[in-house]
Amino acid sequence: MENKNKPVSLTHFDARGQAHMVDVGGKAETHRVARAGGTIRMLAATFALIQSGSSKKGDVIGIARLAAIQAAKRTADLIPLCHPIAITRIAADFAFDEPGAGVSLEVTVETFGRTGVEMEALTAVSVGLLTVYDMCKAVDRGMHIEAIGLIEKSGGKSGHWLAR
């Protein structure tokens, strides 16, 4: 059980309060997995367009899947203090919520290394859903992205974590 009274220290700041990249050299290499997810909501007509695959720009979901995979691989280029990671697996899975006119994306990222892949999974979800927005904004500028978050992570010293 977590001690809620324990002082929190942010690992990306040194003793003087300066930003730095965390030294992971002393950490053990372990199998690390992170799952993140999020949803984009839209008009029913936009949802139908995506689901049918009849967008003028092509296969929205296929392109968004590739964007998510590419984003996971490029996370260290986007987030200043992230380590470049040798990713061993990326899976981007989309699901359709017809009653809610939403498209959900769940991304799983894996590595065998000294640091986790939470940022890679979160970045992949963000960019994948932004790609859906970009491809459909001509017909629905009111789409909104919601509930991007970490679902689960495992590996490393902190072990397994699952969102409540």
N, C-alpha and C. Protein backbone atom coordinates (compact mmCIF):
# COMPACT_ATOMS: atom_id res chain seq x y z
N MET A 1 0.83 -1.18 0.00
CA MET A 1 0.00 0.00 0.00
C MET A 1 0.87 1.25 0.00
N GLU A 2 0.47 2.25 -0.77
CA GLU A 2 1.21 3.50 -0.89
C GLU A 2 1.13 4.32 0.38
N ASN A 3 2.25 4.95 0.76
CA ASN A 3 2.25 5.89 1.87
C ASN A 3 1.94 7.27 1.32
N LYS A 4 0.75 7.77 1.56
CA LYS A 4 0.31 9.05 0.99
C LYS A 4 0.97 10.24 1.66
N ASN A 5 1.63 10.04 2.83
CA ASN A 5 2.30 11.14 3.52
C ASN A 5 3.76 11.26 3.15
N LYS A 6 4.26 10.32 2.38
CA LYS A 6 5.66 10.32 1.97
C LYS A 6 5.92 11.48 1.00
N PRO A 7 7.00 12.26 1.22
CA PRO A 7 7.29 13.36 0.29
C PRO A 7 7.58 12.81 -1.10
N VAL A 8 7.11 13.52 -2.10
CA VAL A 8 7.28 13.12 -3.49
C VAL A 8 8.49 13.87 -4.05
N SER A 9 9.34 13.14 -4.76
CA SER A 9 10.44 13.82 -5.45
C SER A 9 10.30 13.52 -6.93
N LEU A 10 10.48 14.54 -7.72
CA LEU A 10 10.38 14.39 -9.17
C LEU A 10 11.74 13.98 -9.70
N THR A 11 11.79 12.90 -10.42
CA THR A 11 13.06 12.32 -10.85
C THR A 11 13.76 13.10 -11.95
N HIS A 12 13.05 13.98 -12.64
CA HIS A 12 13.67 14.71 -13.74
C HIS A 12 14.30 16.03 -13.31
N PHE A 13 14.48 16.21 -12.00
CA PHE A 13 15.15 17.41 -11.48
C PHE A 13 16.25 16.97 -10.54
N ASP A 14 17.40 17.65 -10.65
CA ASP A 14 18.52 17.33 -9.75
C ASP A 14 18.34 18.08 -8.43
N ALA A 15 19.34 17.96 -7.54
CA ALA A 15 19.27 18.56 -6.21
C ALA A 15 19.14 20.08 -6.26
N ARG A 16 19.59 20.69 -7.35
CA ARG A 16 19.49 22.16 -7.49
C ARG A 16 18.21 22.59 -8.20
N GLY A 17 17.37 21.62 -8.56
CA GLY A 17 16.12 21.95 -9.24
C GLY A 17 16.25 22.10 -10.74
N GLN A 18 17.37 21.69 -11.29
CA GLN A 18 17.61 21.78 -12.73
C GLN A 18 17.11 20.50 -13.41
N ALA A 19 16.50 20.67 -14.57
CA ALA A 19 16.03 19.51 -15.34
C ALA A 19 17.22 18.69 -15.82
N HIS A 20 17.06 17.37 -15.76
CA HIS A 20 18.09 16.47 -16.28
C HIS A 20 17.45 15.16 -16.71
N MET A 21 18.17 14.44 -17.55
CA MET A 21 17.71 13.12 -17.97
C MET A 21 18.11 12.14 -16.87
N VAL A 22 17.17 11.34 -16.42
CA VAL A 22 17.40 10.38 -15.35
C VAL A 22 18.45 9.36 -15.78
N ASP A 23 19.38 9.06 -14.87
CA ASP A 23 20.40 8.05 -15.14
C ASP A 23 19.79 6.67 -14.91
N VAL A 24 19.65 5.89 -15.98
CA VAL A 24 19.08 4.55 -15.85
C VAL A 24 20.16 3.47 -15.98
N GLY A 25 21.42 3.89 -16.00
CA GLY A 25 22.53 2.96 -16.19
C GLY A 25 22.62 1.87 -15.15
N GLY A 26 22.21 2.14 -13.94
CA GLY A 26 22.28 1.16 -12.87
C GLY A 26 21.06 0.28 -12.74
N LYS A 27 20.05 0.54 -13.53
CA LYS A 27 18.82 -0.25 -13.45
C LYS A 27 18.98 -1.57 -14.19
N ALA A 28 18.23 -2.56 -13.72
CA ALA A 28 18.25 -3.88 -14.37
C ALA A 28 17.46 -3.83 -15.67
N GLU A 29 17.92 -4.60 -16.66
CA GLU A 29 17.16 -4.75 -17.88
C GLU A 29 16.07 -5.78 -17.61
N THR A 30 14.83 -5.37 -17.83
CA THR A 30 13.69 -6.27 -17.63
C THR A 30 12.72 -6.10 -18.79
N HIS A 31 11.82 -7.06 -18.92
CA HIS A 31 10.75 -6.95 -19.91
C HIS A 31 9.77 -5.91 -19.39
N ARG A 32 9.50 -4.88 -20.17
CA ARG A 32 8.63 -3.78 -19.75
C ARG A 32 7.52 -3.61 -20.77
N VAL A 33 6.31 -3.43 -20.26
CA VAL A 33 5.13 -3.30 -21.10
C VAL A 33 4.30 -2.14 -20.58
N ALA A 34 3.74 -1.36 -21.49
CA ALA A 34 2.79 -0.31 -21.10
C ALA A 34 1.62 -0.32 -22.07
N ARG A 35 0.41 -0.13 -21.50
CA ARG A 35 -0.81 0.01 -22.30
C ARG A 35 -1.43 1.34 -21.97
N ALA A 36 -1.81 2.08 -23.02
CA ALA A 36 -2.49 3.36 -22.85
C ALA A 36 -3.68 3.40 -23.79
N GLY A 37 -4.63 4.27 -23.49
CA GLY A 37 -5.81 4.36 -24.34
C GLY A 37 -6.41 5.75 -24.33
N GLY A 38 -7.34 5.95 -25.24
CA GLY A 38 -8.07 7.21 -25.35
C GLY A 38 -9.16 7.07 -26.40
N THR A 39 -9.98 8.10 -26.51
CA THR A 39 -11.14 8.07 -27.41
C THR A 39 -11.30 9.41 -28.11
N ILE A 40 -11.77 9.37 -29.35
CA ILE A 40 -12.17 10.58 -30.06
C ILE A 40 -13.67 10.46 -30.35
N ARG A 41 -14.42 11.49 -29.98
CA ARG A 41 -15.87 11.52 -30.20
C ARG A 41 -16.18 12.47 -31.34
N MET A 42 -17.26 12.17 -32.06
CA MET A 42 -17.57 12.93 -33.28
C MET A 42 -19.06 12.86 -33.59
N LEU A 43 -19.45 13.54 -34.65
CA LEU A 43 -20.82 13.44 -35.14
C LEU A 43 -21.07 12.03 -35.65
N ALA A 44 -22.33 11.60 -35.58
CA ALA A 44 -22.69 10.26 -36.04
C ALA A 44 -22.32 10.07 -37.52
N ALA A 45 -22.49 11.11 -38.33
CA ALA A 45 -22.17 11.00 -39.75
C ALA A 45 -20.67 10.80 -39.97
N THR A 46 -19.85 11.46 -39.17
CA THR A 46 -18.40 11.29 -39.26
C THR A 46 -18.02 9.88 -38.84
N PHE A 47 -18.63 9.41 -37.78
CA PHE A 47 -18.39 8.06 -37.30
C PHE A 47 -18.71 7.04 -38.41
N ALA A 48 -19.85 7.22 -39.06
CA ALA A 48 -20.27 6.31 -40.14
C ALA A 48 -19.27 6.35 -41.30
N LEU A 49 -18.76 7.53 -41.61
CA LEU A 49 -17.77 7.69 -42.67
C LEU A 49 -16.50 6.91 -42.35
N ILE A 50 -16.03 7.03 -41.12
CA ILE A 50 -14.81 6.31 -40.72
C ILE A 50 -15.06 4.81 -40.71
N GLN A 51 -16.16 4.40 -40.11
CA GLN A 51 -16.46 2.98 -39.98
C GLN A 51 -16.63 2.29 -41.35
N SER A 52 -17.20 3.01 -42.30
CA SER A 52 -17.42 2.44 -43.63
C SER A 52 -16.15 2.45 -44.48
N GLY A 53 -15.16 3.24 -44.07
CA GLY A 53 -13.92 3.34 -44.84
C GLY A 53 -14.07 4.16 -46.10
N SER A 54 -15.09 5.03 -46.15
CA SER A 54 -15.36 5.79 -47.38
C SER A 54 -14.89 7.25 -47.32
N SER A 55 -13.95 7.55 -46.45
CA SER A 55 -13.39 8.91 -46.40
C SER A 55 -12.64 9.20 -47.69
N LYS A 56 -12.73 10.45 -48.15
CA LYS A 56 -12.03 10.84 -49.38
C LYS A 56 -10.51 10.73 -49.21
N LYS A 57 -10.03 10.82 -47.95
CA LYS A 57 -8.59 10.73 -47.70
C LYS A 57 -8.10 9.29 -47.58
N GLY A 58 -9.01 8.33 -47.61
CA GLY A 58 -8.60 6.93 -47.55
C GLY A 58 -8.96 6.26 -46.25
N ASP A 59 -8.21 5.23 -45.92
CA ASP A 59 -8.44 4.39 -44.74
C ASP A 59 -7.99 5.14 -43.49
N VAL A 60 -8.91 5.83 -42.84
CA VAL A 60 -8.59 6.64 -41.67
C VAL A 60 -7.95 5.79 -40.57
N ILE A 61 -8.54 4.66 -40.27
CA ILE A 61 -8.03 3.82 -39.18
C ILE A 61 -6.66 3.24 -39.53
N GLY A 62 -6.47 2.80 -40.75
CA GLY A 62 -5.17 2.26 -41.16
C GLY A 62 -4.06 3.29 -41.06
N ILE A 63 -4.35 4.50 -41.50
CA ILE A 63 -3.34 5.56 -41.44
C ILE A 63 -3.10 5.98 -39.99
N ALA A 64 -4.15 6.06 -39.19
CA ALA A 64 -3.99 6.42 -37.77
C ALA A 64 -3.19 5.35 -37.03
N ARG A 65 -3.36 4.08 -37.40
CA ARG A 65 -2.57 3.01 -36.79
C ARG A 65 -1.08 3.21 -37.09
N LEU A 66 -0.77 3.50 -38.34
CA LEU A 66 0.63 3.74 -38.71
C LEU A 66 1.19 4.96 -37.99
N ALA A 67 0.38 6.01 -37.85
CA ALA A 67 0.81 7.22 -37.14
C ALA A 67 1.11 6.91 -35.68
N ALA A 68 0.28 6.08 -35.06
CA ALA A 68 0.49 5.72 -33.66
C ALA A 68 1.80 4.94 -33.50
N ILE A 69 2.04 4.02 -34.38
CA ILE A 69 3.28 3.23 -34.34
C ILE A 69 4.48 4.13 -34.53
N GLN A 70 4.41 5.01 -35.51
CA GLN A 70 5.52 5.94 -35.77
C GLN A 70 5.75 6.85 -34.57
N ALA A 71 4.68 7.32 -33.94
CA ALA A 71 4.81 8.21 -32.79
C ALA A 71 5.50 7.52 -31.62
N ALA A 72 5.15 6.26 -31.37
CA ALA A 72 5.82 5.53 -30.29
C ALA A 72 7.32 5.46 -30.55
N LYS A 73 7.70 5.20 -31.79
CA LYS A 73 9.11 5.09 -32.14
C LYS A 73 9.85 6.43 -32.05
N ARG A 74 9.12 7.55 -32.15
CA ARG A 74 9.75 8.87 -32.16
C ARG A 74 9.56 9.65 -30.85
N THR A 75 9.08 9.00 -29.81
CA THR A 75 8.78 9.70 -28.56
C THR A 75 9.97 10.47 -28.01
N ALA A 76 11.16 9.89 -28.03
CA ALA A 76 12.34 10.58 -27.50
C ALA A 76 12.66 11.85 -28.27
N ASP A 77 12.19 11.97 -29.52
CA ASP A 77 12.38 13.19 -30.30
C ASP A 77 11.38 14.27 -29.92
N LEU A 78 10.27 13.87 -29.28
CA LEU A 78 9.20 14.80 -28.96
C LEU A 78 9.18 15.24 -27.50
N ILE A 79 9.49 14.34 -26.59
CA ILE A 79 9.47 14.61 -25.16
C ILE A 79 10.92 14.78 -24.71
N PRO A 80 11.30 15.98 -24.31
CA PRO A 80 12.72 16.31 -24.13
C PRO A 80 13.54 15.37 -23.24
N LEU A 81 13.00 14.84 -22.16
CA LEU A 81 13.81 14.06 -21.24
C LEU A 81 13.58 12.55 -21.32
N CYS A 82 12.89 12.11 -22.37
CA CYS A 82 12.69 10.67 -22.58
C CYS A 82 13.93 10.05 -23.18
N HIS A 83 14.22 8.85 -22.74
CA HIS A 83 15.34 8.10 -23.31
C HIS A 83 14.93 7.47 -24.64
N PRO A 84 15.84 7.43 -25.60
CA PRO A 84 15.57 6.63 -26.80
C PRO A 84 15.52 5.15 -26.38
N ILE A 85 14.52 4.45 -26.82
CA ILE A 85 14.30 3.07 -26.35
C ILE A 85 14.23 2.13 -27.55
N ALA A 86 14.85 0.98 -27.40
CA ALA A 86 14.75 -0.06 -28.42
C ALA A 86 13.44 -0.81 -28.18
N ILE A 87 12.41 -0.41 -28.89
CA ILE A 87 11.08 -1.01 -28.73
C ILE A 87 11.07 -2.36 -29.44
N THR A 88 10.50 -3.36 -28.78
CA THR A 88 10.43 -4.68 -29.38
C THR A 88 9.06 -4.99 -29.97
N ARG A 89 8.02 -4.26 -29.55
CA ARG A 89 6.66 -4.51 -30.07
C ARG A 89 5.79 -3.29 -29.84
N ILE A 90 4.95 -2.99 -30.85
CA ILE A 90 3.92 -1.95 -30.74
C ILE A 90 2.65 -2.52 -31.37
N ALA A 91 1.55 -2.46 -30.63
CA ALA A 91 0.25 -2.86 -31.16
C ALA A 91 -0.72 -1.70 -30.95
N ALA A 92 -1.41 -1.30 -32.01
CA ALA A 92 -2.39 -0.22 -31.94
C ALA A 92 -3.74 -0.80 -32.36
N ASP A 93 -4.66 -0.88 -31.40
CA ASP A 93 -5.95 -1.51 -31.64
C ASP A 93 -7.08 -0.50 -31.49
N PHE A 94 -7.90 -0.39 -32.53
CA PHE A 94 -9.03 0.54 -32.55
C PHE A 94 -10.32 -0.21 -32.27
N ALA A 95 -11.26 0.48 -31.63
CA ALA A 95 -12.59 -0.08 -31.37
C ALA A 95 -13.62 1.01 -31.66
N PHE A 96 -14.78 0.59 -32.18
CA PHE A 96 -15.85 1.52 -32.53
C PHE A 96 -16.95 1.48 -31.48
N ASP A 97 -17.37 2.65 -31.02
CA ASP A 97 -18.49 2.80 -30.09
C ASP A 97 -19.60 3.52 -30.84
N GLU A 98 -20.44 2.74 -31.53
CA GLU A 98 -21.48 3.34 -32.36
C GLU A 98 -22.46 4.20 -31.57
N PRO A 99 -23.01 3.73 -30.44
CA PRO A 99 -23.96 4.58 -29.70
C PRO A 99 -23.34 5.90 -29.24
N GLY A 100 -22.05 5.88 -28.91
CA GLY A 100 -21.38 7.10 -28.45
C GLY A 100 -20.65 7.85 -29.54
N ALA A 101 -20.76 7.37 -30.78
CA ALA A 101 -20.06 7.97 -31.92
C ALA A 101 -18.60 8.26 -31.58
N GLY A 102 -17.93 7.21 -31.12
CA GLY A 102 -16.53 7.36 -30.73
C GLY A 102 -15.66 6.25 -31.28
N VAL A 103 -14.42 6.60 -31.47
CA VAL A 103 -13.41 5.63 -31.88
C VAL A 103 -12.36 5.62 -30.77
N SER A 104 -12.15 4.45 -30.19
CA SER A 104 -11.15 4.31 -29.13
C SER A 104 -9.89 3.66 -29.68
N LEU A 105 -8.78 4.04 -29.08
CA LEU A 105 -7.49 3.48 -29.47
C LEU A 105 -6.79 3.00 -28.21
N GLU A 106 -6.31 1.78 -28.24
CA GLU A 106 -5.48 1.25 -27.17
C GLU A 106 -4.15 0.82 -27.78
N VAL A 107 -3.06 1.29 -27.19
CA VAL A 107 -1.73 0.97 -27.70
C VAL A 107 -0.95 0.23 -26.62
N THR A 108 -0.30 -0.85 -27.03
CA THR A 108 0.59 -1.60 -26.16
C THR A 108 2.00 -1.49 -26.73
N VAL A 109 2.94 -1.12 -25.87
CA VAL A 109 4.34 -0.99 -26.27
C VAL A 109 5.18 -1.87 -25.35
N GLU A 110 6.14 -2.59 -25.93
CA GLU A 110 7.01 -3.47 -25.16
C GLU A 110 8.48 -3.21 -25.48
N THR A 111 9.32 -3.48 -24.50
CA THR A 111 10.77 -3.40 -24.66
C THR A 111 11.41 -4.34 -23.67
N PHE A 112 12.68 -4.58 -23.85
CA PHE A 112 13.50 -5.24 -22.85
C PHE A 112 14.61 -4.24 -22.57
N GLY A 113 14.49 -3.54 -21.44
CA GLY A 113 15.46 -2.48 -21.20
C GLY A 113 15.46 -1.98 -19.78
N ARG A 114 16.06 -0.78 -19.61
CA ARG A 114 16.28 -0.21 -18.28
C ARG A 114 15.26 0.85 -17.88
N THR A 115 14.37 1.20 -18.79
CA THR A 115 13.34 2.18 -18.47
C THR A 115 12.05 1.80 -19.17
N GLY A 116 10.95 2.28 -18.63
CA GLY A 116 9.64 1.88 -19.12
C GLY A 116 9.22 2.55 -20.41
N VAL A 117 8.08 2.12 -20.93
CA VAL A 117 7.58 2.60 -22.21
C VAL A 117 6.21 3.28 -22.08
N GLU A 118 5.94 3.82 -20.88
CA GLU A 118 4.67 4.52 -20.68
C GLU A 118 4.52 5.72 -21.61
N MET A 119 5.58 6.51 -21.73
CA MET A 119 5.51 7.71 -22.58
C MET A 119 5.31 7.35 -24.04
N GLU A 120 5.91 6.24 -24.46
CA GLU A 120 5.74 5.79 -25.84
C GLU A 120 4.29 5.40 -26.11
N ALA A 121 3.68 4.69 -25.17
CA ALA A 121 2.28 4.28 -25.33
C ALA A 121 1.36 5.50 -25.33
N LEU A 122 1.58 6.43 -24.41
CA LEU A 122 0.74 7.63 -24.32
C LEU A 122 0.91 8.52 -25.56
N THR A 123 2.13 8.67 -26.04
CA THR A 123 2.37 9.46 -27.24
C THR A 123 1.70 8.82 -28.45
N ALA A 124 1.79 7.51 -28.55
CA ALA A 124 1.17 6.80 -29.67
C ALA A 124 -0.34 7.01 -29.69
N VAL A 125 -0.99 6.92 -28.53
CA VAL A 125 -2.44 7.13 -28.46
C VAL A 125 -2.77 8.55 -28.89
N SER A 126 -2.04 9.52 -28.37
CA SER A 126 -2.30 10.92 -28.69
C SER A 126 -2.19 11.19 -30.18
N VAL A 127 -1.10 10.73 -30.79
CA VAL A 127 -0.88 10.99 -32.21
C VAL A 127 -1.85 10.18 -33.07
N GLY A 128 -2.15 8.96 -32.68
CA GLY A 128 -3.13 8.17 -33.44
C GLY A 128 -4.49 8.85 -33.49
N LEU A 129 -4.95 9.35 -32.34
CA LEU A 129 -6.25 10.03 -32.30
C LEU A 129 -6.19 11.39 -33.00
N LEU A 130 -5.08 12.09 -32.88
CA LEU A 130 -4.92 13.35 -33.62
C LEU A 130 -4.95 13.12 -35.13
N THR A 131 -4.45 11.98 -35.56
CA THR A 131 -4.48 11.64 -36.98
C THR A 131 -5.91 11.42 -37.45
N VAL A 132 -6.73 10.78 -36.64
CA VAL A 132 -8.15 10.64 -36.98
C VAL A 132 -8.76 12.03 -37.13
N TYR A 133 -8.47 12.92 -36.19
CA TYR A 133 -8.99 14.28 -36.27
C TYR A 133 -8.53 14.95 -37.56
N ASP A 134 -7.25 14.88 -37.84
CA ASP A 134 -6.69 15.53 -39.04
C ASP A 134 -7.36 15.02 -40.31
N MET A 135 -7.59 13.75 -40.39
CA MET A 135 -8.15 13.18 -41.61
C MET A 135 -9.64 13.49 -41.77
N CYS A 136 -10.32 13.83 -40.68
CA CYS A 136 -11.78 14.04 -40.74
C CYS A 136 -12.21 15.47 -40.43
N LYS A 137 -11.27 16.36 -40.18
CA LYS A 137 -11.63 17.72 -39.76
C LYS A 137 -12.40 18.49 -40.83
N ALA A 138 -12.25 18.12 -42.08
CA ALA A 138 -12.99 18.82 -43.14
C ALA A 138 -14.49 18.61 -43.02
N VAL A 139 -14.90 17.50 -42.41
CA VAL A 139 -16.33 17.23 -42.26
C VAL A 139 -16.84 17.41 -40.84
N ASP A 140 -15.90 17.52 -39.85
CA ASP A 140 -16.33 17.62 -38.45
C ASP A 140 -15.24 18.26 -37.60
N ARG A 141 -15.27 19.56 -37.49
CA ARG A 141 -14.27 20.26 -36.68
C ARG A 141 -14.58 20.17 -35.18
N GLY A 142 -15.76 19.67 -34.83
CA GLY A 142 -16.16 19.58 -33.43
C GLY A 142 -15.76 18.29 -32.74
N MET A 143 -14.99 17.44 -33.40
CA MET A 143 -14.53 16.21 -32.75
C MET A 143 -13.72 16.58 -31.51
N HIS A 144 -13.76 15.73 -30.51
CA HIS A 144 -12.93 15.99 -29.34
C HIS A 144 -12.32 14.69 -28.82
N ILE A 145 -11.09 14.83 -28.38
CA ILE A 145 -10.31 13.71 -27.87
C ILE A 145 -10.44 13.73 -26.35
N GLU A 146 -10.65 12.53 -25.77
CA GLU A 146 -10.85 12.48 -24.33
C GLU A 146 -10.21 11.25 -23.71
N ALA A 147 -10.01 11.35 -22.43
CA ALA A 147 -9.62 10.21 -21.59
C ALA A 147 -8.35 9.50 -22.02
N ILE A 148 -7.34 10.26 -22.46
CA ILE A 148 -6.06 9.62 -22.75
C ILE A 148 -5.38 9.34 -21.41
N GLY A 149 -4.97 8.10 -21.23
CA GLY A 149 -4.32 7.75 -19.98
C GLY A 149 -3.66 6.40 -20.02
N LEU A 150 -2.81 6.19 -19.03
CA LEU A 150 -2.14 4.91 -18.87
C LEU A 150 -3.14 3.91 -18.30
N ILE A 151 -3.20 2.74 -18.90
CA ILE A 151 -4.09 1.67 -18.45
C ILE A 151 -3.35 0.68 -17.56
N GLU A 152 -2.13 0.34 -17.99
CA GLU A 152 -1.37 -0.68 -17.27
C GLU A 152 0.10 -0.57 -17.63
N LYS A 153 0.96 -0.90 -16.68
CA LYS A 153 2.40 -1.01 -16.95
C LYS A 153 2.96 -2.13 -16.11
N SER A 154 4.00 -2.75 -16.63
CA SER A 154 4.68 -3.80 -15.87
C SER A 154 6.16 -3.77 -16.20
N GLY A 155 6.93 -4.36 -15.29
CA GLY A 155 8.37 -4.43 -15.45
C GLY A 155 9.08 -3.40 -14.60
N GLY A 156 10.36 -3.63 -14.43
CA GLY A 156 11.16 -2.69 -13.66
C GLY A 156 10.97 -2.85 -12.17
N LYS A 157 11.62 -1.96 -11.42
CA LYS A 157 11.61 -2.01 -9.96
C LYS A 157 10.21 -1.83 -9.38
N SER A 158 9.39 -0.98 -10.02
CA SER A 158 8.06 -0.70 -9.46
C SER A 158 7.04 -1.80 -9.79
N GLY A 159 7.40 -2.73 -10.65
CA GLY A 159 6.54 -3.88 -10.92
C GLY A 159 5.29 -3.56 -11.72
N HIS A 160 4.20 -4.19 -11.33
CA HIS A 160 2.94 -4.09 -12.08
C HIS A 160 2.07 -2.98 -11.52
N TRP A 161 1.47 -2.19 -12.42
CA TRP A 161 0.52 -1.14 -12.05
C TRP A 161 -0.67 -1.24 -12.99
N LEU A 162 -1.87 -1.14 -12.44
CA LEU A 162 -3.10 -1.21 -13.22
C LEU A 162 -4.00 -0.07 -12.79
N ALA A 163 -4.53 0.68 -13.76
CA ALA A 163 -5.45 1.78 -13.45
C ALA A 163 -6.67 1.21 -12.75
N ARG A 164 -7.20 2.00 -11.87
CA ARG A 164 -8.39 1.55 -11.11
C ARG A 164 -9.61 1.56 -11.96
